[in-house]
Amino acid sequence: MSKTVPGPDGKPRCGWCAATDDFFPYHDNEWGYPVDDDIRLFEKICLEGFQSGLSWRTILDKRENFRKAFKGFDYNKVAKFTEKDVERLLQDAGIIRHRGKIEAAINNAKRAREMVAEHGSLAAYFWGFEPDPKEVPKPQTMSTSPTSTAISKDLKKRGWKFVGPTTVFAFMQAMGLVNDHVEDCVIRAKVDRARKKFKRPAR
């Protein structure tokens, strides 16, 4: 795959946008910008878990359905889901009907509540792992990193599921813990500016 492809305005974007034009708005307006909102962080870690073995295009197409099915990914609400909810979700054609992933999202909601009680917020926890930019690999050359491996190990120790190093690295890329836009991508500089202005949550 080419490192860049021309976007709607003719300027270069990351090559993965070539898969579908639907990727451009997500790439330009969301991917890589720093996020400190706990609901969005929880949503993303869940959706990355659902993506395991699938394409992001599949998940992005179903994202609004996921949000409806999982009550906007409010982890306080999802944590209260019961077996009845699992059965309901397994009948929902608008999402990925995988029992293990559905049960993992509910489990992780409970673990998220524990994390907030300990750290004050999910943002404080995750941003506490932000790697030194000097230690970040060249953009889009790796699918894991020492940091994603460390986060994955710690999350699993805390009882989270479907949070392997690759899943966590994709989460880090999307939520702005690293700027993984390729060097020639026109959005890279915008993300850099956003990261410089971003106030890191206190841990």
N, C-alpha and C. Protein backbone atom coordinates (compact mmCIF):
# COMPACT_ATOMS: atom_id res chain seq x y z
N MET A 1 0.85 -1.20 0.00
CA MET A 1 0.00 0.00 0.00
C MET A 1 0.88 1.25 0.00
N SER A 2 0.48 2.23 -0.79
CA SER A 2 1.22 3.48 -0.82
C SER A 2 1.17 4.15 0.54
N LYS A 3 2.24 4.88 0.89
CA LYS A 3 2.25 5.57 2.18
C LYS A 3 1.20 6.66 2.24
N THR A 4 0.90 7.27 1.09
CA THR A 4 -0.13 8.29 1.06
C THR A 4 -1.02 8.10 -0.17
N VAL A 5 -2.22 8.65 -0.06
CA VAL A 5 -3.15 8.72 -1.19
C VAL A 5 -3.73 10.12 -1.20
N PRO A 6 -4.11 10.63 -2.37
CA PRO A 6 -4.71 11.96 -2.40
C PRO A 6 -6.09 11.97 -1.77
N GLY A 7 -6.34 12.97 -0.93
CA GLY A 7 -7.65 13.11 -0.30
C GLY A 7 -8.61 13.84 -1.21
N PRO A 8 -9.82 14.14 -0.72
CA PRO A 8 -10.82 14.84 -1.53
C PRO A 8 -10.33 16.19 -2.06
N ASP A 9 -9.40 16.81 -1.32
CA ASP A 9 -8.85 18.10 -1.74
C ASP A 9 -7.56 17.95 -2.53
N GLY A 10 -7.17 16.70 -2.84
CA GLY A 10 -5.96 16.46 -3.60
C GLY A 10 -4.70 16.39 -2.78
N LYS A 11 -4.80 16.72 -1.48
CA LYS A 11 -3.62 16.69 -0.61
C LYS A 11 -3.43 15.29 -0.04
N PRO A 12 -2.18 14.93 0.30
CA PRO A 12 -1.89 13.55 0.73
C PRO A 12 -2.46 13.19 2.09
N ARG A 13 -3.01 11.99 2.15
CA ARG A 13 -3.48 11.40 3.40
C ARG A 13 -2.82 10.04 3.59
N CYS A 14 -2.91 9.49 4.79
CA CYS A 14 -2.36 8.16 5.07
C CYS A 14 -2.94 7.14 4.09
N GLY A 15 -2.08 6.23 3.63
CA GLY A 15 -2.46 5.29 2.59
C GLY A 15 -3.65 4.41 2.92
N TRP A 16 -3.91 4.17 4.23
CA TRP A 16 -5.03 3.28 4.57
C TRP A 16 -6.39 3.87 4.20
N CYS A 17 -6.42 5.16 3.90
CA CYS A 17 -7.68 5.78 3.48
C CYS A 17 -8.12 5.28 2.11
N ALA A 18 -7.23 4.64 1.37
CA ALA A 18 -7.57 4.17 0.03
C ALA A 18 -8.63 3.08 0.06
N ALA A 19 -8.81 2.42 1.21
CA ALA A 19 -9.76 1.31 1.30
C ALA A 19 -11.19 1.75 1.00
N THR A 20 -11.55 2.94 1.43
CA THR A 20 -12.91 3.46 1.19
C THR A 20 -12.93 4.96 1.43
N ASP A 21 -13.71 5.68 0.65
CA ASP A 21 -13.83 7.13 0.85
C ASP A 21 -14.39 7.46 2.23
N ASP A 22 -15.10 6.50 2.84
CA ASP A 22 -15.67 6.73 4.17
C ASP A 22 -14.59 6.94 5.22
N PHE A 23 -13.37 6.51 4.93
CA PHE A 23 -12.28 6.67 5.89
C PHE A 23 -11.79 8.11 6.00
N PHE A 24 -11.95 8.90 4.95
CA PHE A 24 -11.39 10.25 4.96
C PHE A 24 -11.92 11.12 6.10
N PRO A 25 -13.23 11.21 6.33
CA PRO A 25 -13.72 12.04 7.45
C PRO A 25 -13.19 11.55 8.80
N TYR A 26 -13.17 10.22 8.99
CA TYR A 26 -12.66 9.66 10.24
C TYR A 26 -11.18 9.99 10.39
N HIS A 27 -10.42 9.79 9.34
CA HIS A 27 -8.98 10.07 9.34
C HIS A 27 -8.69 11.54 9.60
N ASP A 28 -9.43 12.42 8.94
CA ASP A 28 -9.15 13.85 9.02
C ASP A 28 -9.61 14.50 10.32
N ASN A 29 -10.69 13.99 10.90
CA ASN A 29 -11.32 14.67 12.04
C ASN A 29 -11.22 13.95 13.37
N GLU A 30 -10.84 12.66 13.36
CA GLU A 30 -10.80 11.91 14.61
C GLU A 30 -9.46 11.23 14.88
N TRP A 31 -8.97 10.49 13.91
CA TRP A 31 -7.85 9.58 14.13
C TRP A 31 -6.56 10.32 14.52
N GLY A 32 -6.10 10.06 15.71
CA GLY A 32 -4.83 10.64 16.16
C GLY A 32 -4.95 11.87 17.02
N TYR A 33 -6.11 12.52 17.02
CA TYR A 33 -6.29 13.69 17.87
C TYR A 33 -6.44 13.24 19.32
N PRO A 34 -5.79 13.93 20.26
CA PRO A 34 -5.81 13.48 21.66
C PRO A 34 -7.20 13.55 22.28
N VAL A 35 -7.55 12.51 23.01
CA VAL A 35 -8.88 12.38 23.62
C VAL A 35 -8.72 12.18 25.13
N ASP A 36 -9.50 12.95 25.91
CA ASP A 36 -9.49 12.77 27.36
C ASP A 36 -10.89 12.51 27.91
N ASP A 37 -11.83 12.22 27.01
CA ASP A 37 -13.20 11.94 27.41
C ASP A 37 -13.34 10.44 27.70
N ASP A 38 -13.73 10.10 28.91
CA ASP A 38 -13.77 8.70 29.32
C ASP A 38 -14.73 7.85 28.49
N ILE A 39 -15.85 8.43 28.09
CA ILE A 39 -16.81 7.66 27.29
C ILE A 39 -16.21 7.31 25.93
N ARG A 40 -15.56 8.26 25.32
CA ARG A 40 -14.93 8.00 24.01
C ARG A 40 -13.78 7.01 24.15
N LEU A 41 -13.03 7.11 25.22
CA LEU A 41 -11.93 6.17 25.44
C LEU A 41 -12.47 4.75 25.63
N PHE A 42 -13.54 4.64 26.42
CA PHE A 42 -14.12 3.32 26.64
C PHE A 42 -14.72 2.77 25.35
N GLU A 43 -15.41 3.63 24.61
CA GLU A 43 -15.98 3.19 23.33
C GLU A 43 -14.89 2.64 22.43
N LYS A 44 -13.79 3.37 22.33
CA LYS A 44 -12.75 2.97 21.39
C LYS A 44 -12.08 1.66 21.80
N ILE A 45 -11.81 1.48 23.06
CA ILE A 45 -11.17 0.23 23.48
C ILE A 45 -12.11 -0.95 23.24
N CYS A 46 -13.42 -0.72 23.39
CA CYS A 46 -14.40 -1.77 23.10
C CYS A 46 -14.46 -2.06 21.60
N LEU A 47 -14.54 -1.02 20.79
CA LEU A 47 -14.65 -1.21 19.35
C LEU A 47 -13.39 -1.85 18.78
N GLU A 48 -12.25 -1.51 19.34
CA GLU A 48 -11.02 -2.17 18.88
C GLU A 48 -11.06 -3.66 19.22
N GLY A 49 -11.66 -3.99 20.35
CA GLY A 49 -11.83 -5.40 20.71
C GLY A 49 -12.75 -6.11 19.74
N PHE A 50 -13.84 -5.44 19.37
CA PHE A 50 -14.76 -6.03 18.40
C PHE A 50 -14.10 -6.17 17.03
N GLN A 51 -13.17 -5.29 16.72
CA GLN A 51 -12.51 -5.35 15.41
C GLN A 51 -11.58 -6.55 15.29
N SER A 52 -11.12 -7.09 16.40
CA SER A 52 -10.15 -8.18 16.38
C SER A 52 -10.54 -9.25 15.36
N GLY A 53 -9.68 -9.44 14.35
CA GLY A 53 -9.93 -10.42 13.30
C GLY A 53 -10.77 -9.88 12.15
N LEU A 54 -11.20 -8.62 12.26
CA LEU A 54 -12.03 -8.00 11.23
C LEU A 54 -11.36 -6.72 10.74
N SER A 55 -12.04 -6.00 9.84
CA SER A 55 -11.51 -4.73 9.35
C SER A 55 -12.15 -3.56 10.09
N TRP A 56 -11.42 -2.46 10.19
CA TRP A 56 -11.99 -1.27 10.82
C TRP A 56 -13.17 -0.74 10.03
N ARG A 57 -13.16 -0.97 8.72
CA ARG A 57 -14.27 -0.52 7.88
C ARG A 57 -15.58 -1.15 8.37
N THR A 58 -15.52 -2.43 8.71
CA THR A 58 -16.72 -3.13 9.20
C THR A 58 -17.23 -2.48 10.48
N ILE A 59 -16.30 -2.15 11.39
CA ILE A 59 -16.69 -1.55 12.67
C ILE A 59 -17.20 -0.13 12.48
N LEU A 60 -16.51 0.64 11.66
CA LEU A 60 -16.92 2.03 11.44
C LEU A 60 -18.32 2.09 10.84
N ASP A 61 -18.61 1.18 9.91
CA ASP A 61 -19.94 1.14 9.30
C ASP A 61 -21.04 0.85 10.33
N LYS A 62 -20.67 0.13 11.39
CA LYS A 62 -21.64 -0.27 12.40
C LYS A 62 -21.56 0.55 13.68
N ARG A 63 -20.71 1.59 13.69
CA ARG A 63 -20.44 2.30 14.93
C ARG A 63 -21.70 2.88 15.57
N GLU A 64 -22.56 3.49 14.79
CA GLU A 64 -23.78 4.06 15.36
C GLU A 64 -24.67 2.97 15.94
N ASN A 65 -24.70 1.82 15.29
CA ASN A 65 -25.48 0.70 15.83
C ASN A 65 -24.90 0.23 17.16
N PHE A 66 -23.57 0.17 17.23
CA PHE A 66 -22.91 -0.20 18.48
C PHE A 66 -23.26 0.79 19.59
N ARG A 67 -23.24 2.06 19.26
CA ARG A 67 -23.53 3.08 20.27
C ARG A 67 -24.94 2.93 20.81
N LYS A 68 -25.88 2.63 19.92
CA LYS A 68 -27.26 2.43 20.35
C LYS A 68 -27.37 1.18 21.21
N ALA A 69 -26.72 0.11 20.77
CA ALA A 69 -26.82 -1.18 21.47
C ALA A 69 -26.17 -1.14 22.85
N PHE A 70 -25.09 -0.35 22.97
CA PHE A 70 -24.34 -0.29 24.23
C PHE A 70 -24.55 1.03 24.97
N LYS A 71 -25.73 1.61 24.80
CA LYS A 71 -26.14 2.81 25.55
C LYS A 71 -25.08 3.91 25.53
N GLY A 72 -24.60 4.19 24.30
CA GLY A 72 -23.63 5.26 24.14
C GLY A 72 -22.28 4.97 24.74
N PHE A 73 -22.04 3.69 25.07
CA PHE A 73 -20.80 3.26 25.72
C PHE A 73 -20.56 3.95 27.06
N ASP A 74 -21.67 4.26 27.73
CA ASP A 74 -21.57 4.74 29.11
C ASP A 74 -21.25 3.51 29.96
N TYR A 75 -20.02 3.42 30.42
CA TYR A 75 -19.59 2.19 31.10
C TYR A 75 -20.35 1.94 32.40
N ASN A 76 -20.87 2.99 33.00
CA ASN A 76 -21.69 2.80 34.21
C ASN A 76 -22.97 2.04 33.89
N LYS A 77 -23.52 2.28 32.70
CA LYS A 77 -24.73 1.58 32.27
C LYS A 77 -24.41 0.18 31.75
N VAL A 78 -23.34 0.08 30.97
CA VAL A 78 -22.96 -1.22 30.39
C VAL A 78 -22.57 -2.20 31.49
N ALA A 79 -21.99 -1.70 32.56
CA ALA A 79 -21.58 -2.56 33.68
C ALA A 79 -22.76 -3.27 34.32
N LYS A 80 -23.95 -2.74 34.12
CA LYS A 80 -25.15 -3.33 34.72
C LYS A 80 -25.85 -4.32 33.79
N PHE A 81 -25.29 -4.51 32.59
CA PHE A 81 -25.90 -5.45 31.65
C PHE A 81 -25.90 -6.86 32.25
N THR A 82 -26.94 -7.60 31.94
CA THR A 82 -27.10 -8.97 32.44
C THR A 82 -27.05 -9.96 31.28
N GLU A 83 -27.23 -11.23 31.61
CA GLU A 83 -27.27 -12.26 30.58
C GLU A 83 -28.40 -11.99 29.58
N LYS A 84 -29.46 -11.40 30.06
CA LYS A 84 -30.57 -11.04 29.17
C LYS A 84 -30.10 -10.04 28.11
N ASP A 85 -29.25 -9.12 28.51
CA ASP A 85 -28.70 -8.14 27.56
C ASP A 85 -27.77 -8.83 26.57
N VAL A 86 -27.00 -9.79 27.05
CA VAL A 86 -26.11 -10.54 26.15
C VAL A 86 -26.93 -11.21 25.06
N GLU A 87 -28.03 -11.86 25.45
CA GLU A 87 -28.89 -12.54 24.49
C GLU A 87 -29.52 -11.54 23.52
N ARG A 88 -29.90 -10.38 24.05
CA ARG A 88 -30.45 -9.32 23.19
C ARG A 88 -29.44 -8.89 22.14
N LEU A 89 -28.21 -8.68 22.57
CA LEU A 89 -27.16 -8.22 21.67
C LEU A 89 -26.78 -9.28 20.64
N LEU A 90 -26.89 -10.53 21.03
CA LEU A 90 -26.58 -11.62 20.09
C LEU A 90 -27.61 -11.70 18.96
N GLN A 91 -28.77 -11.08 19.15
CA GLN A 91 -29.81 -11.04 18.12
C GLN A 91 -29.76 -9.75 17.31
N ASP A 92 -28.86 -8.84 17.66
CA ASP A 92 -28.79 -7.52 17.01
C ASP A 92 -27.89 -7.59 15.78
N ALA A 93 -28.50 -7.62 14.61
CA ALA A 93 -27.75 -7.73 13.35
C ALA A 93 -26.94 -6.46 13.04
N GLY A 94 -27.18 -5.40 13.79
CA GLY A 94 -26.48 -4.15 13.53
C GLY A 94 -25.08 -4.09 14.11
N ILE A 95 -24.72 -5.08 14.94
CA ILE A 95 -23.40 -5.11 15.55
C ILE A 95 -22.70 -6.43 15.20
N ILE A 96 -21.53 -6.65 15.76
CA ILE A 96 -20.83 -7.92 15.60
C ILE A 96 -21.36 -8.88 16.67
N ARG A 97 -22.03 -9.93 16.23
CA ARG A 97 -22.68 -10.84 17.18
C ARG A 97 -21.72 -11.96 17.59
N HIS A 98 -20.81 -11.60 18.45
CA HIS A 98 -19.78 -12.52 18.95
C HIS A 98 -19.89 -12.54 20.47
N ARG A 99 -20.33 -13.66 21.02
CA ARG A 99 -20.60 -13.72 22.45
C ARG A 99 -19.38 -13.30 23.28
N GLY A 100 -18.22 -13.80 22.94
CA GLY A 100 -17.02 -13.49 23.71
C GLY A 100 -16.72 -12.00 23.74
N LYS A 101 -16.88 -11.33 22.60
CA LYS A 101 -16.59 -9.90 22.53
C LYS A 101 -17.66 -9.08 23.25
N ILE A 102 -18.91 -9.52 23.15
CA ILE A 102 -20.00 -8.84 23.86
C ILE A 102 -19.78 -8.95 25.37
N GLU A 103 -19.48 -10.16 25.82
CA GLU A 103 -19.25 -10.36 27.26
C GLU A 103 -18.01 -9.62 27.72
N ALA A 104 -17.01 -9.50 26.84
CA ALA A 104 -15.80 -8.75 27.19
C ALA A 104 -16.12 -7.28 27.40
N ALA A 105 -16.97 -6.71 26.55
CA ALA A 105 -17.33 -5.29 26.68
C ALA A 105 -18.04 -5.04 28.02
N ILE A 106 -18.91 -5.96 28.41
CA ILE A 106 -19.62 -5.81 29.68
C ILE A 106 -18.64 -5.96 30.85
N ASN A 107 -17.79 -6.95 30.76
CA ASN A 107 -16.76 -7.14 31.78
C ASN A 107 -15.87 -5.91 31.89
N ASN A 108 -15.45 -5.38 30.74
CA ASN A 108 -14.54 -4.24 30.74
C ASN A 108 -15.20 -2.98 31.30
N ALA A 109 -16.52 -2.89 31.15
CA ALA A 109 -17.23 -1.76 31.75
C ALA A 109 -17.12 -1.80 33.27
N LYS A 110 -17.21 -2.99 33.82
CA LYS A 110 -17.06 -3.15 35.27
C LYS A 110 -15.63 -2.81 35.69
N ARG A 111 -14.67 -3.27 34.89
CA ARG A 111 -13.27 -2.97 35.19
C ARG A 111 -13.00 -1.47 35.04
N ALA A 112 -13.69 -0.82 34.09
CA ALA A 112 -13.53 0.63 33.90
C ALA A 112 -13.99 1.39 35.13
N ARG A 113 -15.08 0.94 35.73
CA ARG A 113 -15.57 1.60 36.94
C ARG A 113 -14.54 1.48 38.06
N GLU A 114 -13.93 0.33 38.17
CA GLU A 114 -12.88 0.12 39.18
C GLU A 114 -11.69 1.04 38.91
N MET A 115 -11.36 1.19 37.63
CA MET A 115 -10.22 2.03 37.27
C MET A 115 -10.48 3.49 37.60
N VAL A 116 -11.70 3.94 37.33
CA VAL A 116 -12.05 5.33 37.65
C VAL A 116 -11.99 5.55 39.16
N ALA A 117 -12.45 4.57 39.91
CA ALA A 117 -12.39 4.69 41.37
C ALA A 117 -10.96 4.80 41.86
N GLU A 118 -10.04 4.13 41.17
CA GLU A 118 -8.63 4.13 41.58
C GLU A 118 -7.87 5.34 41.06
N HIS A 119 -8.10 5.70 39.81
CA HIS A 119 -7.28 6.73 39.16
C HIS A 119 -8.00 8.06 38.93
N GLY A 120 -9.30 8.09 39.18
CA GLY A 120 -10.05 9.32 38.97
C GLY A 120 -10.73 9.38 37.62
N SER A 121 -10.10 8.79 36.61
CA SER A 121 -10.67 8.76 35.26
C SER A 121 -9.91 7.75 34.43
N LEU A 122 -10.54 7.29 33.35
CA LEU A 122 -9.84 6.43 32.40
C LEU A 122 -8.73 7.23 31.71
N ALA A 123 -9.03 8.50 31.45
CA ALA A 123 -8.04 9.35 30.78
C ALA A 123 -6.76 9.44 31.59
N ALA A 124 -6.89 9.63 32.89
CA ALA A 124 -5.70 9.73 33.73
C ALA A 124 -4.87 8.46 33.66
N TYR A 125 -5.56 7.33 33.65
CA TYR A 125 -4.85 6.05 33.56
C TYR A 125 -4.11 5.92 32.22
N PHE A 126 -4.84 6.06 31.13
CA PHE A 126 -4.22 5.82 29.82
C PHE A 126 -3.14 6.84 29.48
N TRP A 127 -3.39 8.11 29.78
CA TRP A 127 -2.39 9.13 29.45
C TRP A 127 -1.16 9.02 30.35
N GLY A 128 -1.30 8.32 31.45
CA GLY A 128 -0.13 8.07 32.28
C GLY A 128 0.89 7.18 31.60
N PHE A 129 0.46 6.51 30.52
CA PHE A 129 1.35 5.64 29.76
C PHE A 129 1.90 6.32 28.50
N GLU A 130 1.56 7.58 28.27
CA GLU A 130 1.99 8.23 27.03
C GLU A 130 3.50 8.08 26.84
N PRO A 131 3.93 7.51 25.72
CA PRO A 131 5.36 7.29 25.52
C PRO A 131 6.11 8.56 25.16
N ASP A 132 7.39 8.57 25.47
CA ASP A 132 8.26 9.66 25.04
C ASP A 132 8.30 9.63 23.51
N PRO A 133 8.03 10.77 22.85
CA PRO A 133 8.04 10.80 21.38
C PRO A 133 9.32 10.23 20.77
N LYS A 134 10.42 10.34 21.49
CA LYS A 134 11.70 9.82 20.98
C LYS A 134 11.69 8.29 20.92
N GLU A 135 10.79 7.67 21.69
CA GLU A 135 10.73 6.21 21.74
C GLU A 135 9.66 5.63 20.83
N VAL A 136 8.91 6.51 20.15
CA VAL A 136 7.83 6.05 19.28
C VAL A 136 8.41 5.62 17.94
N PRO A 137 8.02 4.45 17.44
CA PRO A 137 8.54 3.99 16.15
C PRO A 137 8.10 4.89 15.00
N LYS A 138 8.80 4.80 13.90
CA LYS A 138 8.44 5.58 12.71
C LYS A 138 6.99 5.29 12.35
N PRO A 139 6.22 6.33 11.97
CA PRO A 139 4.78 6.14 11.74
C PRO A 139 4.43 4.95 10.84
N GLN A 140 3.46 4.19 11.30
CA GLN A 140 2.87 3.08 10.57
C GLN A 140 3.88 2.03 10.11
N THR A 141 4.87 1.81 10.95
CA THR A 141 5.82 0.74 10.68
C THR A 141 5.64 -0.42 11.66
N MET A 142 4.82 -0.20 12.70
CA MET A 142 4.64 -1.22 13.73
C MET A 142 3.15 -1.39 14.03
N SER A 143 2.78 -2.59 14.47
CA SER A 143 1.39 -2.83 14.90
C SER A 143 1.31 -3.00 16.41
N THR A 144 2.47 -3.00 17.06
CA THR A 144 2.54 -2.99 18.52
C THR A 144 3.70 -2.09 18.92
N SER A 145 3.84 -1.85 20.20
CA SER A 145 4.96 -1.06 20.69
C SER A 145 5.22 -1.49 22.13
N PRO A 146 6.39 -1.12 22.68
CA PRO A 146 6.64 -1.44 24.08
C PRO A 146 5.55 -0.90 25.00
N THR A 147 5.03 0.29 24.67
CA THR A 147 3.98 0.89 25.51
C THR A 147 2.68 0.12 25.40
N SER A 148 2.30 -0.26 24.17
CA SER A 148 1.04 -1.00 24.03
C SER A 148 1.14 -2.36 24.70
N THR A 149 2.31 -2.94 24.69
CA THR A 149 2.52 -4.22 25.38
C THR A 149 2.40 -4.04 26.88
N ALA A 150 2.95 -2.94 27.39
CA ALA A 150 2.88 -2.66 28.83
C ALA A 150 1.45 -2.39 29.28
N ILE A 151 0.71 -1.61 28.48
CA ILE A 151 -0.69 -1.32 28.83
C ILE A 151 -1.50 -2.60 28.78
N SER A 152 -1.31 -3.38 27.72
CA SER A 152 -2.03 -4.65 27.58
C SER A 152 -1.80 -5.56 28.78
N LYS A 153 -0.57 -5.67 29.17
CA LYS A 153 -0.22 -6.53 30.32
C LYS A 153 -0.91 -6.04 31.59
N ASP A 154 -0.90 -4.72 31.80
CA ASP A 154 -1.49 -4.16 33.00
C ASP A 154 -3.02 -4.31 32.98
N LEU A 155 -3.63 -4.07 31.82
CA LEU A 155 -5.08 -4.21 31.72
C LEU A 155 -5.51 -5.66 31.99
N LYS A 156 -4.78 -6.58 31.42
CA LYS A 156 -5.12 -8.00 31.64
C LYS A 156 -4.98 -8.37 33.11
N LYS A 157 -3.99 -7.82 33.75
CA LYS A 157 -3.80 -8.06 35.18
C LYS A 157 -4.99 -7.53 35.98
N ARG A 158 -5.60 -6.47 35.45
CA ARG A 158 -6.76 -5.87 36.11
C ARG A 158 -8.07 -6.57 35.71
N GLY A 159 -7.99 -7.56 34.84
CA GLY A 159 -9.17 -8.33 34.48
C GLY A 159 -9.85 -7.93 33.18
N TRP A 160 -9.24 -7.00 32.42
CA TRP A 160 -9.82 -6.61 31.13
C TRP A 160 -9.61 -7.74 30.12
N LYS A 161 -10.49 -7.77 29.10
CA LYS A 161 -10.41 -8.81 28.08
C LYS A 161 -10.42 -8.20 26.68
N PHE A 162 -9.89 -8.94 25.73
CA PHE A 162 -9.74 -8.49 24.34
C PHE A 162 -8.95 -7.18 24.28
N VAL A 163 -7.83 -7.17 24.99
CA VAL A 163 -6.97 -5.98 25.04
C VAL A 163 -5.52 -6.41 24.80
N GLY A 164 -5.29 -7.14 23.72
CA GLY A 164 -3.93 -7.54 23.37
C GLY A 164 -3.11 -6.35 22.91
N PRO A 165 -1.79 -6.50 22.78
CA PRO A 165 -0.90 -5.39 22.40
C PRO A 165 -1.27 -4.72 21.07
N THR A 166 -1.73 -5.50 20.09
CA THR A 166 -2.11 -4.93 18.80
C THR A 166 -3.38 -4.09 18.94
N THR A 167 -4.35 -4.61 19.67
CA THR A 167 -5.59 -3.87 19.93
C THR A 167 -5.29 -2.57 20.67
N VAL A 168 -4.43 -2.64 21.67
CA VAL A 168 -4.09 -1.45 22.45
C VAL A 168 -3.32 -0.44 21.60
N PHE A 169 -2.45 -0.91 20.72
CA PHE A 169 -1.70 0.03 19.89
C PHE A 169 -2.65 0.77 18.94
N ALA A 170 -3.63 0.06 18.38
CA ALA A 170 -4.61 0.71 17.51
C ALA A 170 -5.39 1.77 18.31
N PHE A 171 -5.70 1.44 19.55
CA PHE A 171 -6.36 2.39 20.45
C PHE A 171 -5.47 3.62 20.66
N MET A 172 -4.18 3.40 20.92
CA MET A 172 -3.25 4.51 21.12
C MET A 172 -3.16 5.40 19.88
N GLN A 173 -3.11 4.79 18.72
CA GLN A 173 -3.07 5.55 17.47
C GLN A 173 -4.30 6.43 17.32
N ALA A 174 -5.45 5.86 17.57
CA ALA A 174 -6.71 6.56 17.34
C ALA A 174 -6.96 7.66 18.36
N MET A 175 -6.58 7.42 19.63
CA MET A 175 -6.88 8.35 20.71
C MET A 175 -5.79 9.39 20.95
N GLY A 176 -4.75 9.37 20.11
CA GLY A 176 -3.75 10.42 20.14
C GLY A 176 -2.61 10.25 21.12
N LEU A 177 -2.47 9.07 21.72
CA LEU A 177 -1.32 8.86 22.60
C LEU A 177 -0.02 8.84 21.80
N VAL A 178 -0.15 8.57 20.51
CA VAL A 178 0.95 8.72 19.57
C VAL A 178 0.38 9.38 18.32
N ASN A 179 1.22 10.07 17.58
CA ASN A 179 0.80 10.62 16.29
C ASN A 179 1.36 9.69 15.22
N ASP A 180 0.51 8.80 14.71
CA ASP A 180 0.98 7.81 13.76
C ASP A 180 0.60 8.13 12.32
N HIS A 181 0.19 9.36 12.07
CA HIS A 181 0.02 9.79 10.68
C HIS A 181 1.40 9.80 10.02
N VAL A 182 1.46 9.33 8.79
CA VAL A 182 2.75 9.29 8.10
C VAL A 182 3.27 10.70 7.89
N GLU A 183 4.57 10.81 7.70
CA GLU A 183 5.23 12.12 7.64
C GLU A 183 4.63 13.05 6.59
N ASP A 184 4.25 12.51 5.44
CA ASP A 184 3.76 13.36 4.35
C ASP A 184 2.26 13.62 4.41
N CYS A 185 1.58 13.03 5.37
CA CYS A 185 0.12 13.23 5.49
C CYS A 185 -0.16 14.66 5.94
N VAL A 186 -1.09 15.33 5.27
CA VAL A 186 -1.39 16.72 5.57
C VAL A 186 -2.01 16.88 6.96
N ILE A 187 -2.58 15.81 7.51
CA ILE A 187 -3.21 15.88 8.81
C ILE A 187 -2.19 15.76 9.95
N ARG A 188 -1.02 15.22 9.67
CA ARG A 188 -0.02 15.00 10.73
C ARG A 188 0.29 16.28 11.50
N ALA A 189 0.49 17.38 10.78
CA ALA A 189 0.83 18.65 11.44
C ALA A 189 -0.33 19.15 12.30
N LYS A 190 -1.56 18.93 11.84
CA LYS A 190 -2.73 19.35 12.62
C LYS A 190 -2.79 18.57 13.93
N VAL A 191 -2.51 17.27 13.85
CA VAL A 191 -2.52 16.44 15.05
C VAL A 191 -1.38 16.86 15.98
N ASP A 192 -0.24 17.17 15.43
CA ASP A 192 0.89 17.64 16.25
C ASP A 192 0.49 18.89 17.03
N ARG A 193 -0.17 19.81 16.35
CA ARG A 193 -0.59 21.05 17.03
C ARG A 193 -1.60 20.75 18.12
N ALA A 194 -2.53 19.84 17.83
CA ALA A 194 -3.54 19.48 18.82
C ALA A 194 -2.90 18.82 20.04
N ARG A 195 -1.89 17.99 19.81
CA ARG A 195 -1.22 17.32 20.92
C ARG A 195 -0.42 18.31 21.77
N LYS A 196 0.13 19.35 21.14
CA LYS A 196 0.89 20.35 21.88
C LYS A 196 -0.03 21.19 22.78
N LYS A 197 -1.24 21.42 22.32
CA LYS A 197 -2.21 22.23 23.09
C LYS A 197 -2.93 21.39 24.15
N PHE A 198 -2.90 20.09 23.99
CA PHE A 198 -3.67 19.19 24.84
C PHE A 198 -3.14 19.19 26.27
N LYS A 199 -4.06 19.36 27.21
CA LYS A 199 -3.69 19.32 28.63
C LYS A 199 -3.83 17.89 29.13
N ARG A 200 -2.70 17.29 29.46
CA ARG A 200 -2.70 15.90 29.93
C ARG A 200 -3.41 15.79 31.26
N PRO A 201 -4.27 14.76 31.41
CA PRO A 201 -4.98 14.58 32.67
C PRO A 201 -4.00 14.23 33.80
N ALA A 202 -4.27 14.75 34.96
CA ALA A 202 -3.43 14.42 36.12
C ALA A 202 -3.75 13.02 36.58
N ARG A 203 -2.70 12.27 36.90
CA ARG A 203 -2.89 10.90 37.35
C ARG A 203 -2.71 10.79 38.85
